[in-house]
Amino acid sequence: MIPSDDIGATQVLKWQDGKQAVFMLEFDDSAPSAITTAIPELSKRGMPGVFYINPGNPPFLALEKQWTSWSRDPCVILGNHTFSHVGAFSVPQLDDELARCNDAIRRLDPGCKWPRLVSFGQPGGVPWNVSPEEEAALLAKYRLVKRPPFWGCPFQTQSGEAVLALVDAALATGGMGHHDFHGVGGDWHSTPLEIFLALLDKLDANRDRLWITDPVSWHQYATEREGAVVQAAATGPDAIEVELLTAADPAFYDLPLTLATRVPTAWRACRVVQGRSETTVPVRDGAAMYSALPGGGKIRLRPA
């Protein structure tokens, strides 16, 4: 896990909790089957999904009460898919579409931190008459993180084998995989229900190796990790102090990173304290693995 045998040597792990790879589930267009099928299945498994909503469109408005209720579920993460899914005709019109969708997301989850990063999925099948530079400026204005390009049924994947292979590919490369949906078992551009359930079952079976997350968290972790600097402040047989810094803006990049620190061989468990956060973790192969917030103050490790 840690190349160095020096006590206090610390490594920022590639993915949260030392997981081997990342996988994300994303759902477009406020499709009714998100409410009737996808969200209940995710909630049952405690598995997150990102739902790119169009709050001004009839499919959303017809089920607005259900969206309001489900938006409080920790498995439901709302993304910006523009307010009405009509496309982008000009910079002012797209500005309005993005702003109104963000306002709706904020209203749907009034307890969430704001301002914050929100995932953005460009709607398909509609005109998009703004330049990449104009789009990038608007995304920055509204703190929108552009998701990876759409990849899913029935366009890029047409079979259960092709969908499940995305999980295997992520695990093989140690990178990020994702599958994107419109309808699930119905609606438009539908993914058959049996394929959707098979994908959830495969993800569930690989939870020990997969970080199942959302595009914003993936983006935050990777950005913080790339700019991370770990400094060993003090080391000894009874205590280790480590400081974790990152170049990312702490107002928006506030996701804990996972660290592994080499500790003395006599330690069997480790008490980790950073600010008001305190936890006890096991020591495995001479190292303690734990979460810490970049810029959150010194991290103190002691034998438990």
C-alpha atoms as a PDB file:
ATOM      1  CA  MET A   1       0.000   0.000   0.000  1.00  0.00           C
ATOM      2  CA  ILE A   2       2.787   2.449   0.977  1.00  0.00           C
ATOM      3  CA  PRO A   3       6.104   2.280  -0.899  1.00  0.00           C
ATOM      4  CA  SER A   4       8.131   3.566   2.059  1.00  0.00           C
ATOM      5  CA  ASP A   5       8.777   1.675   5.308  1.00  0.00           C
ATOM      6  CA  ASP A   6       9.494   4.914   7.167  1.00  0.00           C
ATOM      7  CA  ILE A   7       7.194   5.541  10.128  1.00  0.00           C
ATOM      8  CA  GLY A   8       4.855   8.392   9.245  1.00  0.00           C
ATOM      9  CA  ALA A   9       5.162   7.900   5.492  1.00  0.00           C
ATOM     10  CA  THR A  10       1.720   8.688   4.080  1.00  0.00           C
ATOM     11  CA  GLN A  11       0.069   8.071   0.727  1.00  0.00           C
ATOM     12  CA  VAL A  12      -3.142   9.548  -0.659  1.00  0.00           C
ATOM     13  CA  LEU A  13      -5.019   6.554  -2.035  1.00  0.00           C
ATOM     14  CA  LYS A  14      -6.317   6.667  -5.585  1.00  0.00           C
ATOM     15  CA  TRP A  15      -9.980   6.265  -4.650  1.00  0.00           C
ATOM     16  CA  GLN A  16     -12.069   6.690  -1.550  1.00  0.00           C
ATOM     17  CA  ASP A  17     -11.657   3.979   1.102  1.00  0.00           C
ATOM     18  CA  GLY A  18      -8.889   2.414  -0.964  1.00  0.00           C
ATOM     19  CA  LYS A  19     -11.363   1.072  -3.514  1.00  0.00           C
ATOM     20  CA  GLN A  20     -10.012  -0.337  -6.757  1.00  0.00           C
ATOM     21  CA  ALA A  21     -12.240   1.588  -9.178  1.00  0.00           C
ATOM     22  CA  VAL A  22     -15.196   3.959  -9.500  1.00  0.00           C
ATOM     23  CA  PHE A  23     -18.649   3.444 -10.969  1.00  0.00           C
ATOM     24  CA  MET A  24     -21.522   5.890 -11.456  1.00  0.00           C
ATOM     25  CA  LEU A  25     -25.216   5.560 -12.352  1.00  0.00           C
ATOM     26  CA  GLU A  26     -26.891   8.515 -14.092  1.00  0.00           C
ATOM     27  CA  PHE A  27     -30.492   9.090 -15.188  1.00  0.00           C
ATOM     28  CA  ASP A  28     -31.726  11.728 -17.649  1.00  0.00           C
ATOM     29  CA  ASP A  29     -34.855  13.730 -18.425  1.00  0.00           C
ATOM     30  CA  SER A  30     -36.876  13.302 -15.192  1.00  0.00           C
ATOM     31  CA  ALA A  31     -38.323  10.129 -16.721  1.00  0.00           C
ATOM     32  CA  PRO A  32     -41.337   8.825 -14.730  1.00  0.00           C
ATOM     33  CA  SER A  33     -39.669   5.415 -14.382  1.00  0.00           C
ATOM     34  CA  ALA A  34     -36.998   7.112 -12.273  1.00  0.00           C
ATOM     35  CA  ILE A  35     -39.696   7.618  -9.633  1.00  0.00           C
ATOM     36  CA  THR A  36     -41.562   4.339 -10.097  1.00  0.00           C
ATOM     37  CA  THR A  37     -38.613   2.000 -10.615  1.00  0.00           C
ATOM     38  CA  ALA A  38     -35.030   3.306 -10.509  1.00  0.00           C
ATOM     39  CA  ILE A  39     -35.049   5.292  -7.273  1.00  0.00           C
ATOM     40  CA  PRO A  40     -36.872   2.639  -5.199  1.00  0.00           C
ATOM     41  CA  GLU A  41     -34.394  -0.021  -6.374  1.00  0.00           C
ATOM     42  CA  LEU A  42     -31.409   2.184  -5.556  1.00  0.00           C
ATOM     43  CA  SER A  43     -32.830   3.172  -2.185  1.00  0.00           C
ATOM     44  CA  LYS A  44     -33.444  -0.483  -1.317  1.00  0.00           C
ATOM     45  CA  ARG A  45     -29.747  -1.177  -1.901  1.00  0.00           C
ATOM     46  CA  GLY A  46     -28.392   2.045  -0.415  1.00  0.00           C
ATOM     47  CA  MET A  47     -26.786   2.851  -3.778  1.00  0.00           C
ATOM     48  CA  PRO A  48     -26.505   6.428  -5.112  1.00  0.00           C
ATOM     49  CA  GLY A  49     -27.728   7.616  -8.491  1.00  0.00           C
ATOM     50  CA  VAL A  50     -27.644  11.014 -10.177  1.00  0.00           C
ATOM     51  CA  PHE A  51     -30.930  12.232 -11.652  1.00  0.00           C
ATOM     52  CA  TYR A  52     -30.625  14.987 -14.246  1.00  0.00           C
ATOM     53  CA  ILE A  53     -33.908  16.829 -14.013  1.00  0.00           C
ATOM     54  CA  ASN A  54     -35.805  19.269 -16.238  1.00  0.00           C
ATOM     55  CA  PRO A  55     -38.049  20.978 -13.664  1.00  0.00           C
ATOM     56  CA  GLY A  56     -40.011  22.913 -16.308  1.00  0.00           C
ATOM     57  CA  ASN A  57     -40.983  19.882 -18.412  1.00  0.00           C
ATOM     58  CA  PRO A  58     -44.300  17.973 -18.207  1.00  0.00           C
ATOM     59  CA  PRO A  59     -42.748  14.633 -17.057  1.00  0.00           C
ATOM     60  CA  PHE A  60     -41.255  16.342 -14.008  1.00  0.00           C
ATOM     61  CA  LEU A  61     -44.265  18.548 -13.263  1.00  0.00           C
ATOM     62  CA  ALA A  62     -46.622  15.554 -13.343  1.00  0.00           C
ATOM     63  CA  LEU A  63     -44.636  13.920 -10.528  1.00  0.00           C
ATOM     64  CA  GLU A  64     -43.318  16.987  -8.723  1.00  0.00           C
ATOM     65  CA  LYS A  65     -44.626  15.877  -5.316  1.00  0.00           C
ATOM     66  CA  GLN A  66     -42.857  12.525  -5.659  1.00  0.00           C
ATOM     67  CA  TRP A  67     -39.633  14.221  -6.769  1.00  0.00           C
ATOM     68  CA  THR A  68     -39.856  16.531  -3.761  1.00  0.00           C
ATOM     69  CA  SER A  69     -40.291  13.557  -1.439  1.00  0.00           C
ATOM     70  CA  TRP A  70     -37.576  11.385  -2.979  1.00  0.00           C
ATOM     71  CA  SER A  71     -35.075  14.249  -3.227  1.00  0.00           C
ATOM     72  CA  ARG A  72     -34.457  13.897   0.528  1.00  0.00           C
ATOM     73  CA  ASP A  73     -33.349  10.284   0.106  1.00  0.00           C
ATOM     74  CA  PRO A  74     -29.530  10.051   0.441  1.00  0.00           C
ATOM     75  CA  CYS A  75     -29.437   7.826  -2.641  1.00  0.00           C
ATOM     76  CA  VAL A  76     -30.918  10.589  -4.835  1.00  0.00           C
ATOM     77  CA  ILE A  77     -28.500  13.208  -6.145  1.00  0.00           C
ATOM     78  CA  LEU A  78     -30.004  15.843  -8.414  1.00  0.00           C
ATOM     79  CA  GLY A  79     -28.202  17.104 -11.502  1.00  0.00           C
ATOM     80  CA  ASN A  80     -28.796  20.036 -13.844  1.00  0.00           C
ATOM     81  CA  HIS A  81     -30.175  19.012 -17.260  1.00  0.00           C
ATOM     82  CA  THR A  82     -31.437  22.543 -18.068  1.00  0.00           C
ATOM     83  CA  PHE A  83     -34.833  23.769 -16.961  1.00  0.00           C
ATOM     84  CA  SER A  84     -36.924  22.753 -19.956  1.00  0.00           C
ATOM     85  CA  HIS A  85     -34.793  20.564 -22.273  1.00  0.00           C
ATOM     86  CA  VAL A  86     -35.304  22.819 -25.288  1.00  0.00           C
ATOM     87  CA  GLY A  87     -31.612  23.254 -26.072  1.00  0.00           C
ATOM     88  CA  ALA A  88     -29.332  26.280 -26.173  1.00  0.00           C
ATOM     89  CA  PHE A  89     -30.227  29.021 -28.662  1.00  0.00           C
ATOM     90  CA  SER A  90     -28.094  31.804 -27.193  1.00  0.00           C
ATOM     91  CA  VAL A  91     -25.901  32.544 -24.208  1.00  0.00           C
ATOM     92  CA  PRO A  92     -28.624  34.532 -22.334  1.00  0.00           C
ATOM     93  CA  GLN A  93     -31.217  31.810 -22.945  1.00  0.00           C
ATOM     94  CA  LEU A  94     -28.872  29.034 -21.740  1.00  0.00           C
ATOM     95  CA  ASP A  95     -27.902  31.177 -18.749  1.00  0.00           C
ATOM     96  CA  ASP A  96     -31.580  31.351 -17.793  1.00  0.00           C
ATOM     97  CA  GLU A  97     -32.084  27.598 -18.307  1.00  0.00           C
ATOM     98  CA  LEU A  98     -29.130  26.714 -16.062  1.00  0.00           C
ATOM     99  CA  ALA A  99     -30.047  29.235 -13.374  1.00  0.00           C
ATOM    100  CA  ARG A 100     -33.680  28.118 -13.151  1.00  0.00           C
ATOM    101  CA  CYS A 101     -32.721  24.448 -12.957  1.00  0.00           C
ATOM    102  CA  ASN A 102     -30.211  25.172 -10.192  1.00  0.00           C
ATOM    103  CA  ASP A 103     -32.878  27.139  -8.300  1.00  0.00           C
ATOM    104  CA  ALA A 104     -35.234  24.157  -8.529  1.00  0.00           C
ATOM    105  CA  ILE A 105     -32.552  21.787  -7.250  1.00  0.00           C
ATOM    106  CA  ARG A 106     -31.965  24.070  -4.295  1.00  0.00           C
ATOM    107  CA  ARG A 107     -35.695  24.200  -3.499  1.00  0.00           C
ATOM    108  CA  LEU A 108     -36.036  20.426  -3.737  1.00  0.00           C
ATOM    109  CA  ASP A 109     -33.333  19.903  -1.123  1.00  0.00           C
ATOM    110  CA  PRO A 110     -33.367  22.969   1.153  1.00  0.00           C
ATOM    111  CA  GLY A 111     -31.044  21.336   3.669  1.00  0.00           C
ATOM    112  CA  CYS A 112     -28.163  20.989   1.230  1.00  0.00           C
ATOM    113  CA  LYS A 113     -25.120  23.222   1.280  1.00  0.00           C
ATOM    114  CA  TRP A 114     -25.378  26.141  -1.153  1.00  0.00           C
ATOM    115  CA  PRO A 115     -23.587  27.302  -3.224  1.00  0.00           C
ATOM    116  CA  ARG A 116     -22.058  23.983  -4.129  1.00  0.00           C
ATOM    117  CA  LEU A 117     -20.922  21.992  -7.113  1.00  0.00           C
ATOM    118  CA  VAL A 118     -23.730  20.431  -9.167  1.00  0.00           C
ATOM    119  CA  SER A 119     -23.363  17.862 -11.932  1.00  0.00           C
ATOM    120  CA  PHE A 120     -24.395  18.987 -15.416  1.00  0.00           C
ATOM    121  CA  GLY A 121     -25.612  16.743 -18.225  1.00  0.00           C
ATOM    122  CA  GLN A 122     -26.169  18.361 -21.610  1.00  0.00           C
ATOM    123  CA  PRO A 123     -29.593  17.370 -22.978  1.00  0.00           C
ATOM    124  CA  GLY A 124     -29.521  15.440 -26.231  1.00  0.00           C
ATOM    125  CA  GLY A 125     -31.606  15.694 -29.368  1.00  0.00           C
ATOM    126  CA  VAL A 126     -32.002  19.473 -29.150  1.00  0.00           C
ATOM    127  CA  PRO A 127     -30.126  22.422 -30.738  1.00  0.00           C
ATOM    128  CA  TRP A 128     -26.951  23.510 -28.967  1.00  0.00           C
ATOM    129  CA  ASN A 129     -25.912  26.798 -30.536  1.00  0.00           C
ATOM    130  CA  VAL A 130     -23.346  28.045 -28.043  1.00  0.00           C
ATOM    131  CA  SER A 131     -19.605  27.600 -28.391  1.00  0.00           C
ATOM    132  CA  PRO A 132     -17.599  25.355 -26.046  1.00  0.00           C
ATOM    133  CA  GLU A 133     -16.016  28.485 -24.570  1.00  0.00           C
ATOM    134  CA  GLU A 134     -19.404  30.106 -23.933  1.00  0.00           C
ATOM    135  CA  GLU A 135     -20.712  26.920 -22.371  1.00  0.00           C
ATOM    136  CA  ALA A 136     -17.635  26.556 -20.142  1.00  0.00           C
ATOM    137  CA  ALA A 137     -18.044  30.117 -18.876  1.00  0.00           C
ATOM    138  CA  LEU A 138     -21.682  29.477 -17.912  1.00  0.00           C
ATOM    139  CA  LEU A 139     -20.846  26.182 -16.211  1.00  0.00           C
ATOM    140  CA  ALA A 140     -18.184  27.964 -14.161  1.00  0.00           C
ATOM    141  CA  LYS A 141     -20.667  30.745 -13.286  1.00  0.00           C
ATOM    142  CA  TYR A 142     -23.135  28.244 -11.827  1.00  0.00           C
ATOM    143  CA  ARG A 143     -20.536  25.847 -10.360  1.00  0.00           C
ATOM    144  CA  LEU A 144     -21.617  23.070 -12.709  1.00  0.00           C
ATOM    145  CA  VAL A 145     -19.383  20.056 -13.265  1.00  0.00           C
ATOM    146  CA  LYS A 146     -19.804  18.573 -16.732  1.00  0.00           C
ATOM    147  CA  ARG A 147     -20.317  14.830 -16.574  1.00  0.00           C
ATOM    148  CA  PRO A 148     -18.571  12.297 -18.848  1.00  0.00           C
ATOM    149  CA  PRO A 149     -20.240  11.819 -22.257  1.00  0.00           C
ATOM    150  CA  PHE A 150     -23.477   9.809 -22.243  1.00  0.00           C
ATOM    151  CA  TRP A 151     -22.928   6.062 -22.470  1.00  0.00           C
ATOM    152  CA  GLY A 152     -25.855   3.682 -22.208  1.00  0.00           C
ATOM    153  CA  CYS A 153     -28.888   1.925 -23.681  1.00  0.00           C
ATOM    154  CA  PRO A 154     -30.000   1.824 -26.400  1.00  0.00           C
ATOM    155  CA  PHE A 155     -27.239   3.820 -28.085  1.00  0.00           C
ATOM    156  CA  GLN A 156     -23.837   2.529 -26.988  1.00  0.00           C
ATOM    157  CA  THR A 157     -25.037  -0.600 -25.167  1.00  0.00           C
ATOM    158  CA  GLN A 158     -27.744  -2.934 -26.440  1.00  0.00           C
ATOM    159  CA  SER A 159     -27.274  -6.059 -24.341  1.00  0.00           C
ATOM    160  CA  GLY A 160     -26.897  -7.072 -20.734  1.00  0.00           C
ATOM    161  CA  GLU A 161     -23.425  -8.389 -21.487  1.00  0.00           C
ATOM    162  CA  ALA A 162     -22.310  -5.011 -22.815  1.00  0.00           C
ATOM    163  CA  VAL A 163     -23.667  -3.215 -19.754  1.00  0.00           C
ATOM    164  CA  LEU A 164     -22.041  -5.572 -17.243  1.00  0.00           C
ATOM    165  CA  ALA A 165     -18.762  -5.367 -19.158  1.00  0.00           C
ATOM    166  CA  LEU A 166     -18.543  -1.701 -18.140  1.00  0.00           C
ATOM    167  CA  VAL A 167     -18.081  -2.789 -14.522  1.00  0.00           C
ATOM    168  CA  ASP A 168     -15.397  -5.304 -15.474  1.00  0.00           C
ATOM    169  CA  ALA A 169     -13.573  -2.670 -17.531  1.00  0.00           C
ATOM    170  CA  ALA A 170     -13.513  -0.212 -14.637  1.00  0.00           C
ATOM    171  CA  LEU A 171     -12.142  -2.860 -12.292  1.00  0.00           C
ATOM    172  CA  ALA A 172      -9.530  -3.945 -14.836  1.00  0.00           C
ATOM    173  CA  THR A 173      -8.216  -0.424 -15.396  1.00  0.00           C
ATOM    174  CA  GLY A 174      -8.683   0.937 -11.872  1.00  0.00           C
ATOM    175  CA  GLY A 175     -10.448   3.916 -13.406  1.00  0.00           C
ATOM    176  CA  MET A 176     -14.005   5.204 -13.695  1.00  0.00           C
ATOM    177  CA  GLY A 177     -16.950   3.491 -15.350  1.00  0.00           C
ATOM    178  CA  HIS A 178     -20.534   4.636 -15.719  1.00  0.00           C
ATOM    179  CA  HIS A 179     -23.839   3.721 -17.288  1.00  0.00           C
ATOM    180  CA  ASP A 180     -26.431   6.325 -18.228  1.00  0.00           C
ATOM    181  CA  PHE A 181     -30.184   5.874 -18.516  1.00  0.00           C
ATOM    182  CA  HIS A 182     -33.349   7.527 -19.710  1.00  0.00           C
ATOM    183  CA  GLY A 183     -36.259   5.218 -19.020  1.00  0.00           C
ATOM    184  CA  VAL A 184     -35.864   2.071 -16.939  1.00  0.00           C
ATOM    185  CA  GLY A 185     -38.283  -0.663 -17.959  1.00  0.00           C
ATOM    186  CA  GLY A 186     -40.395   1.896 -19.841  1.00  0.00           C
ATOM    187  CA  ASP A 187     -40.634   5.499 -21.040  1.00  0.00           C
ATOM    188  CA  TRP A 188     -38.183   6.536 -23.804  1.00  0.00           C
ATOM    189  CA  HIS A 189     -34.743   5.210 -24.823  1.00  0.00           C
ATOM    190  CA  SER A 190     -35.457   2.543 -22.252  1.00  0.00           C
ATOM    191  CA  THR A 191     -33.045   0.168 -20.570  1.00  0.00           C
ATOM    192  CA  PRO A 192     -34.819  -3.170 -20.007  1.00  0.00           C
ATOM    193  CA  LEU A 193     -35.601  -3.713 -16.340  1.00  0.00           C
ATOM    194  CA  GLU A 194     -33.770  -7.047 -16.232  1.00  0.00           C
ATOM    195  CA  ILE A 195     -30.568  -5.379 -17.469  1.00  0.00           C
ATOM    196  CA  PHE A 196     -30.893  -2.577 -14.920  1.00  0.00           C
ATOM    197  CA  LEU A 197     -31.383  -5.040 -12.061  1.00  0.00           C
ATOM    198  CA  ALA A 198     -28.501  -7.212 -13.246  1.00  0.00           C
ATOM    199  CA  LEU A 199     -26.228  -4.162 -13.228  1.00  0.00           C
ATOM    200  CA  LEU A 200     -27.278  -3.253  -9.683  1.00  0.00           C
ATOM    201  CA  ASP A 201     -26.677  -6.828  -8.556  1.00  0.00           C
ATOM    202  CA  LYS A 202     -23.192  -6.833 -10.093  1.00  0.00           C
ATOM    203  CA  LEU A 203     -22.320  -3.520  -8.469  1.00  0.00           C
ATOM    204  CA  ASP A 204     -23.642  -4.797  -5.153  1.00  0.00           C
ATOM    205  CA  ALA A 205     -21.493  -7.922  -5.414  1.00  0.00           C
ATOM    206  CA  ASN A 206     -18.390  -5.773  -5.984  1.00  0.00           C
ATOM    207  CA  ARG A 207     -18.890  -3.126  -3.292  1.00  0.00           C
ATOM    208  CA  ASP A 208     -15.649  -4.178  -1.606  1.00  0.00           C
ATOM    209  CA  ARG A 209     -13.741  -3.131  -4.746  1.00  0.00           C
ATOM    210  CA  LEU A 210     -15.916  -0.344  -6.193  1.00  0.00           C
ATOM    211  CA  TRP A 211     -16.553   3.179  -5.041  1.00  0.00           C
ATOM    212  CA  ILE A 212     -20.123   3.714  -6.277  1.00  0.00           C
ATOM    213  CA  THR A 213     -20.535   7.458  -6.395  1.00  0.00           C
ATOM    214  CA  ASP A 214     -21.593  10.490  -8.444  1.00  0.00           C
ATOM    215  CA  PRO A 215     -19.764  12.776 -10.920  1.00  0.00           C
ATOM    216  CA  VAL A 216     -19.291  15.647  -8.466  1.00  0.00           C
ATOM    217  CA  SER A 217     -17.755  13.449  -5.760  1.00  0.00           C
ATOM    218  CA  TRP A 218     -15.562  11.711  -8.346  1.00  0.00           C
ATOM    219  CA  HIS A 219     -14.448  15.108  -9.676  1.00  0.00           C
ATOM    220  CA  GLN A 220     -13.829  16.478  -6.169  1.00  0.00           C
ATOM    221  CA  TYR A 221     -11.770  13.487  -5.078  1.00  0.00           C
ATOM    222  CA  ALA A 222      -9.634  13.418  -8.227  1.00  0.00           C
ATOM    223  CA  THR A 223      -9.062  17.191  -8.145  1.00  0.00           C
ATOM    224  CA  GLU A 224      -8.127  17.224  -4.467  1.00  0.00           C
ATOM    225  CA  ARG A 225      -5.898  14.175  -4.870  1.00  0.00           C
ATOM    226  CA  GLU A 226      -4.021  15.647  -7.821  1.00  0.00           C
ATOM    227  CA  GLY A 227      -3.240  18.808  -5.849  1.00  0.00           C
ATOM    228  CA  ALA A 228      -2.585  17.079  -2.530  1.00  0.00           C
ATOM    229  CA  VAL A 229       0.579  17.494  -0.484  1.00  0.00           C
ATOM    230  CA  VAL A 230       1.159  15.379   2.621  1.00  0.00           C
ATOM    231  CA  GLN A 231       3.641  16.553   5.220  1.00  0.00           C
ATOM    232  CA  ALA A 232       4.774  14.509   8.218  1.00  0.00           C
ATOM    233  CA  ALA A 233       4.872  17.010  11.080  1.00  0.00           C
ATOM    234  CA  ALA A 234       6.177  14.642  13.760  1.00  0.00           C
ATOM    235  CA  THR A 235       6.807  10.917  14.173  1.00  0.00           C
ATOM    236  CA  GLY A 236       7.565   8.719  17.137  1.00  0.00           C
ATOM    237  CA  PRO A 237       6.734   5.392  18.769  1.00  0.00           C
ATOM    238  CA  ASP A 238       3.651   6.813  20.515  1.00  0.00           C
ATOM    239  CA  ALA A 239       2.373   9.492  18.140  1.00  0.00           C
ATOM    240  CA  ILE A 240       2.445  10.579  14.517  1.00  0.00           C
ATOM    241  CA  GLU A 241       1.350  13.944  13.158  1.00  0.00           C
ATOM    242  CA  VAL A 242       0.506  14.461   9.482  1.00  0.00           C
ATOM    243  CA  GLU A 243      -0.769  17.489   7.613  1.00  0.00           C
ATOM    244  CA  LEU A 244      -2.793  17.219   4.393  1.00  0.00           C
ATOM    245  CA  LEU A 245      -3.017  20.180   2.027  1.00  0.00           C
ATOM    246  CA  THR A 246      -4.450  20.636  -1.456  1.00  0.00           C
ATOM    247  CA  ALA A 247      -4.463  23.375  -4.059  1.00  0.00           C
ATOM    248  CA  ALA A 248      -8.230  23.007  -4.632  1.00  0.00           C
ATOM    249  CA  ASP A 249     -10.663  25.658  -3.373  1.00  0.00           C
ATOM    250  CA  PRO A 250     -11.843  24.402   0.055  1.00  0.00           C
ATOM    251  CA  ALA A 251     -15.222  26.128  -0.343  1.00  0.00           C
ATOM    252  CA  PHE A 252     -16.185  23.640  -3.049  1.00  0.00           C
ATOM    253  CA  TYR A 253     -13.623  20.855  -2.719  1.00  0.00           C
ATOM    254  CA  ASP A 254     -14.442  19.610   0.745  1.00  0.00           C
ATOM    255  CA  LEU A 255     -14.592  15.852   0.256  1.00  0.00           C
ATOM    256  CA  PRO A 256     -12.345  13.865   2.618  1.00  0.00           C
ATOM    257  CA  LEU A 257      -9.466  11.992   0.999  1.00  0.00           C
ATOM    258  CA  THR A 258      -8.402   8.515   2.059  1.00  0.00           C
ATOM    259  CA  LEU A 259      -4.876   8.261   3.420  1.00  0.00           C
ATOM    260  CA  ALA A 260      -2.668   5.373   4.463  1.00  0.00           C
ATOM    261  CA  THR A 261       0.085   6.037   7.004  1.00  0.00           C
ATOM    262  CA  ARG A 262       2.923   3.730   8.016  1.00  0.00           C
ATOM    263  CA  VAL A 263       2.817   3.179  11.807  1.00  0.00           C
ATOM    264  CA  PRO A 264       5.062   1.314  14.286  1.00  0.00           C
ATOM    265  CA  THR A 265       4.817  -2.470  14.151  1.00  0.00           C
ATOM    266  CA  ALA A 266       3.610  -2.604  17.756  1.00  0.00           C
ATOM    267  CA  TRP A 267       0.389  -0.750  16.884  1.00  0.00           C
ATOM    268  CA  ARG A 268      -2.597  -3.029  16.356  1.00  0.00           C
ATOM    269  CA  ALA A 269      -5.182  -0.280  16.036  1.00  0.00           C
ATOM    270  CA  CYS A 270      -4.896   3.436  15.590  1.00  0.00           C
ATOM    271  CA  ARG A 271      -6.825   6.420  16.947  1.00  0.00           C
ATOM    272  CA  VAL A 272      -7.045   9.175  14.328  1.00  0.00           C
ATOM    273  CA  VAL A 273      -7.974  12.734  15.322  1.00  0.00           C
ATOM    274  CA  GLN A 274      -8.408  15.751  13.037  1.00  0.00           C
ATOM    275  CA  GLY A 275     -10.134  18.754  14.529  1.00  0.00           C
ATOM    276  CA  ARG A 276     -13.354  17.499  16.121  1.00  0.00           C
ATOM    277  CA  SER A 277     -13.329  14.293  14.096  1.00  0.00           C
ATOM    278  CA  GLU A 278     -12.080  11.167  15.851  1.00  0.00           C
ATOM    279  CA  THR A 279     -12.117   7.540  14.771  1.00  0.00           C
ATOM    280  CA  THR A 280     -10.361   4.274  15.492  1.00  0.00           C
ATOM    281  CA  VAL A 281      -9.138   2.148  12.594  1.00  0.00           C
ATOM    282  CA  PRO A 282      -7.363  -1.205  12.419  1.00  0.00           C
ATOM    283  CA  VAL A 283      -3.721  -1.482  11.404  1.00  0.00           C
ATOM    284  CA  ARG A 284      -3.170  -3.807   8.466  1.00  0.00           C
ATOM    285  CA  ASP A 285       0.193  -4.652   6.945  1.00  0.00           C
ATOM    286  CA  GLY A 286       1.829  -1.976   9.075  1.00  0.00           C
ATOM    287  CA  ALA A 287      -0.436   0.856   7.898  1.00  0.00           C
ATOM    288  CA  ALA A 288      -3.535   2.696   9.080  1.00  0.00           C
ATOM    289  CA  MET A 289      -6.094   3.716   6.454  1.00  0.00           C
ATOM    290  CA  TYR A 290      -8.372   6.628   7.304  1.00  0.00           C
ATOM    291  CA  SER A 291     -10.220   9.651   5.900  1.00  0.00           C
ATOM    292  CA  ALA A 292      -9.027  13.214   6.350  1.00  0.00           C
ATOM    293  CA  LEU A 293     -10.100  16.625   5.109  1.00  0.00           C
ATOM    294  CA  PRO A 294      -7.495  18.600   3.137  1.00  0.00           C
ATOM    295  CA  GLY A 295      -6.718  21.787   5.012  1.00  0.00           C
ATOM    296  CA  GLY A 296      -8.688  20.540   8.007  1.00  0.00           C
ATOM    297  CA  GLY A 297      -5.797  20.821  10.452  1.00  0.00           C
ATOM    298  CA  LYS A 298      -3.141  18.434  11.656  1.00  0.00           C
ATOM    299  CA  ILE A 299      -3.969  14.743  11.747  1.00  0.00           C
ATOM    300  CA  ARG A 300      -2.827  13.000  14.914  1.00  0.00           C
ATOM    301  CA  LEU A 301      -2.398   9.237  15.038  1.00  0.00           C
ATOM    302  CA  ARG A 302      -1.834   7.304  18.264  1.00  0.00           C
ATOM    303  CA  PRO A 303      -2.061   3.621  19.198  1.00  0.00           C
ATOM    304  CA  ALA A 304      -5.545   2.665  20.318  1.00  0.00           C
END
